[in-house]
Amino acid sequence: MAMISPVTFTPLTPALHITGAQPNEFDLRRLKRMLEKRERYRYVTVSITPTPNGYHITSPCCSRSISPDGKAIDIALIEYDEPSLTWKLYGMNHSAKQWHLQRCAEALRPLVEYLITDPHKVFWQ
């Protein structure tokens, strides 16, 4: 029997309901379900926080490679660019403390699938 990977999310608040399509409750819950199937760091609680045009994902640092005390670190930032109708997936460069664009797609699913498999260990370090 496989353990369900814990994922929490911050519910949407009226302050985050901007004029655009993101964030929304449907994609927030879909993102939660997809992240439960991640392949790396499956036993830590991942947190999803809505941002004005997407979602910010954090997780405790189990390897202690980024945060020696195991505190939550930035994993990914997923943003919807409404003018281009494109989703963008960013990974954090922890040494430079900057987000770096990793992938773009017309749909959310391919980006999240890339994030949960993390073939190049960009996100779950």
Protein backbone atom coordinates (compact mmCIF):
# COMPACT_ATOMS: atom_id res chain seq x y z
CA MET A 1 0.00 0.00 0.00
CA ALA A 2 1.49 3.33 -1.08
CA MET A 3 1.55 6.23 1.32
CA ILE A 4 -0.16 9.39 0.14
CA SER A 5 2.34 12.22 -0.02
CA PRO A 6 1.20 15.03 2.26
CA VAL A 7 0.37 18.28 0.49
CA THR A 8 -1.25 21.31 2.09
CA PHE A 9 -2.51 24.44 0.44
CA THR A 10 -3.57 27.89 1.45
CA PRO A 11 -7.18 28.50 0.42
CA LEU A 12 -7.88 31.39 -1.90
CA THR A 13 -8.79 34.65 -0.23
CA PRO A 14 -10.75 37.55 -1.70
CA ALA A 15 -7.50 39.55 -1.91
CA LEU A 16 -6.11 37.01 -4.42
CA HIS A 17 -9.14 37.14 -6.70
CA ILE A 18 -7.69 39.51 -9.24
CA THR A 19 -9.16 40.13 -12.70
CA GLY A 20 -7.24 37.24 -14.32
CA ALA A 21 -7.97 33.53 -14.48
CA GLN A 22 -5.30 32.57 -11.94
CA PRO A 23 -5.19 31.51 -9.25
CA ASN A 24 -8.41 29.55 -8.99
CA GLU A 25 -9.78 26.87 -6.69
CA PHE A 26 -10.00 24.21 -9.41
CA ASP A 27 -6.32 24.43 -10.41
CA LEU A 28 -5.24 24.70 -6.78
CA ARG A 29 -6.92 21.39 -5.93
CA ARG A 30 -5.69 19.78 -9.15
CA LEU A 31 -2.14 20.86 -8.35
CA LYS A 32 -2.50 19.37 -4.86
CA ARG A 33 -3.61 15.99 -6.25
CA MET A 34 -0.80 15.92 -8.80
CA LEU A 35 1.89 16.81 -6.25
CA GLU A 36 0.79 13.89 -4.09
CA LYS A 37 2.25 11.68 -6.84
CA ARG A 38 5.72 13.23 -6.80
CA GLU A 39 8.71 10.89 -6.95
CA ARG A 40 11.20 12.75 -4.76
CA TYR A 41 10.72 13.84 -1.13
CA ARG A 42 7.47 11.93 -0.96
CA TYR A 43 7.31 11.87 2.83
CA VAL A 44 7.53 15.58 3.59
CA THR A 45 4.62 17.97 3.56
CA VAL A 46 4.62 20.21 0.52
CA SER A 47 2.81 23.54 0.78
CA ILE A 48 1.09 25.36 -2.06
CA THR A 49 0.34 29.05 -1.69
CA PRO A 50 -1.65 30.99 -4.29
CA THR A 51 0.11 34.03 -5.78
CA PRO A 52 -1.54 36.79 -7.81
CA ASN A 53 -1.06 34.83 -11.09
CA GLY A 54 -0.15 31.31 -10.03
CA TYR A 55 1.18 29.10 -7.25
CA HIS A 56 4.24 29.03 -4.99
CA ILE A 57 5.42 25.60 -3.79
CA THR A 58 7.61 25.08 -0.72
CA SER A 59 8.85 22.02 1.15
CA PRO A 60 11.09 21.19 4.12
CA CYS A 61 14.68 20.49 3.07
CA CYS A 62 15.25 16.87 4.13
CA SER A 63 18.71 16.56 2.61
CA ARG A 64 19.89 19.63 4.55
CA SER A 65 21.80 20.61 1.38
CA ILE A 66 20.05 23.99 1.11
CA SER A 67 18.75 24.54 4.63
CA PRO A 68 20.93 22.85 7.27
CA ASP A 69 18.14 23.16 9.85
CA GLY A 70 15.55 21.55 7.57
CA LYS A 71 13.34 24.61 7.25
CA ALA A 72 10.98 25.05 4.31
CA ILE A 73 12.62 26.09 1.06
CA ASP A 74 11.31 27.32 -2.28
CA ILE A 75 10.67 24.43 -4.65
CA ALA A 76 8.82 25.93 -7.60
CA LEU A 77 6.86 28.88 -8.83
CA ILE A 78 4.15 28.24 -11.40
CA GLU A 79 2.73 31.27 -13.14
CA TYR A 80 0.13 31.78 -15.81
CA ASP A 81 1.04 34.44 -18.37
CA GLU A 82 -2.37 35.51 -19.58
CA PRO A 83 -1.24 37.61 -22.59
CA SER A 84 0.60 34.64 -24.11
CA LEU A 85 -1.80 32.00 -22.67
CA THR A 86 1.25 30.15 -21.36
CA TRP A 87 2.12 28.46 -18.08
CA LYS A 88 5.66 29.00 -16.79
CA LEU A 89 7.53 26.79 -14.33
CA TYR A 90 10.38 28.33 -12.35
CA GLY A 91 12.94 26.62 -10.14
CA MET A 92 14.86 28.38 -7.39
CA ASN A 93 18.60 28.82 -7.74
CA HIS A 94 19.25 28.76 -4.00
CA SER A 95 22.83 30.01 -4.14
CA ALA A 96 21.80 33.08 -6.19
CA LYS A 97 18.38 33.36 -4.48
CA GLN A 98 16.70 33.82 -7.88
CA TRP A 99 13.92 32.09 -9.76
CA HIS A 100 14.98 30.58 -13.11
CA LEU A 101 12.56 29.66 -15.87
CA GLN A 102 12.66 25.89 -16.44
CA ARG A 103 9.75 25.16 -18.77
CA CYS A 104 6.78 26.74 -20.55
CA ALA A 105 3.63 25.01 -21.73
CA GLU A 106 0.13 25.80 -22.92
CA ALA A 107 -1.31 23.55 -20.21
CA LEU A 108 -0.60 23.13 -16.50
CA ARG A 109 -0.37 19.32 -16.53
CA PRO A 110 2.93 18.90 -18.47
CA LEU A 111 4.68 21.37 -16.19
CA VAL A 112 3.50 19.66 -13.03
CA GLU A 113 4.41 16.24 -14.45
CA TYR A 114 7.93 17.55 -15.08
CA LEU A 115 8.03 18.99 -11.56
CA ILE A 116 6.94 15.76 -9.86
CA THR A 117 9.43 13.59 -11.76
CA ASP A 118 12.21 16.20 -11.53
CA PRO A 119 14.57 14.28 -13.85
CA HIS A 120 17.46 16.73 -13.41
CA LYS A 121 17.00 17.31 -9.64
CA VAL A 122 16.33 20.98 -10.15
CA PHE A 123 13.40 21.30 -7.75
CA TRP A 124 13.67 18.61 -5.05
CA GLN A 125 17.32 19.00 -4.01
